[in-house]
Protein backbone atom coordinates (compact mmCIF):
# COMPACT_ATOMS: atom_id res chain seq x y z
CA UNK A 1 150.21 -72.02 -0.82
CA UNK A 2 146.81 -73.17 0.96
CA UNK A 3 143.80 -71.19 1.57
CA UNK A 4 140.96 -72.41 3.95
CA UNK A 5 137.65 -70.73 4.06
CA UNK A 6 134.71 -71.67 6.82
CA UNK A 7 131.13 -70.28 6.51
CA UNK A 8 129.58 -68.16 9.14
CA UNK A 9 127.35 -70.98 10.15
CA UNK A 10 130.22 -73.54 11.53
CA UNK A 11 132.81 -71.09 12.72
CA UNK A 12 131.56 -72.05 16.45
CA UNK A 13 132.82 -75.55 15.45
CA UNK A 14 135.57 -75.22 13.10
CA UNK A 15 138.07 -72.23 12.80
CA UNK A 16 139.69 -71.62 8.98
CA UNK A 17 143.24 -71.18 11.07
CA UNK A 18 142.81 -74.20 12.88
CA UNK A 19 141.81 -76.27 9.39
CA UNK A 20 144.87 -74.85 7.29
CA UNK A 21 147.38 -75.45 10.44
CA UNK A 22 146.12 -78.94 10.26
CA UNK A 23 146.76 -79.54 6.48
CA UNK A 24 150.31 -77.29 6.94
CA UNK A 25 151.53 -79.34 9.44
CA UNK A 26 151.24 -82.40 7.19
CA UNK A 27 152.99 -80.61 4.31
CA UNK A 28 155.95 -79.33 6.14
CA UNK A 29 154.35 -75.33 6.72
CA UNK A 30 152.44 -73.48 8.91
CA UNK A 31 149.92 -70.97 8.30
CA UNK A 32 147.13 -69.05 10.31
CA UNK A 33 144.41 -66.48 9.96
CA UNK A 34 141.08 -65.61 11.09
CA UNK A 35 138.17 -67.86 11.94
CA UNK A 36 136.50 -67.57 8.25
CA UNK A 37 139.14 -67.49 6.16
CA UNK A 38 143.08 -68.30 6.65
CA UNK A 39 146.32 -69.26 4.71
CA UNK A 40 149.35 -71.29 4.96
CA UNK A 41 152.42 -72.44 2.74
CA UNK A 42 154.65 -75.52 3.02
CA UNK A 43 158.06 -77.17 1.93
CA UNK A 44 156.43 -80.62 1.04
CA UNK A 45 153.97 -80.14 -1.68
CA UNK A 46 154.15 -84.18 -2.43
CA UNK A 47 152.48 -84.81 0.88
CA UNK A 48 149.20 -82.49 0.17
CA UNK A 49 146.73 -85.39 -1.23
CA UNK A 50 147.60 -87.31 2.16
CA UNK A 51 146.78 -84.27 3.94
CA UNK A 52 144.01 -83.46 2.05
CA UNK A 53 142.45 -86.84 2.30
CA UNK A 54 142.51 -86.46 6.26
CA UNK A 55 140.68 -83.28 6.18
CA UNK A 56 137.20 -84.80 6.06
CA UNK A 57 138.03 -86.83 9.15
CA UNK A 58 139.15 -83.80 10.82
CA UNK A 59 136.02 -82.00 10.12
CA UNK A 60 133.67 -84.15 10.95
CA UNK A 61 135.17 -84.82 14.20
CA UNK A 62 134.56 -81.20 15.33
CA UNK A 63 131.09 -81.04 13.69
CA UNK A 64 129.58 -83.82 16.08
């Protein structure tokens, strides 16, 4: 299971649902939710370290 939360000051640029979907797609799953909180799951947990490592670049690209 994956959970993503985003603070209100950045939800205009980063949505929790998009973030959790980005990670879930890399671990064989899918998910979604609201702009400030979302959940997902996946069937390939061994891919999680690489997926989490990619989050920083994904977020920075949206905060520019």
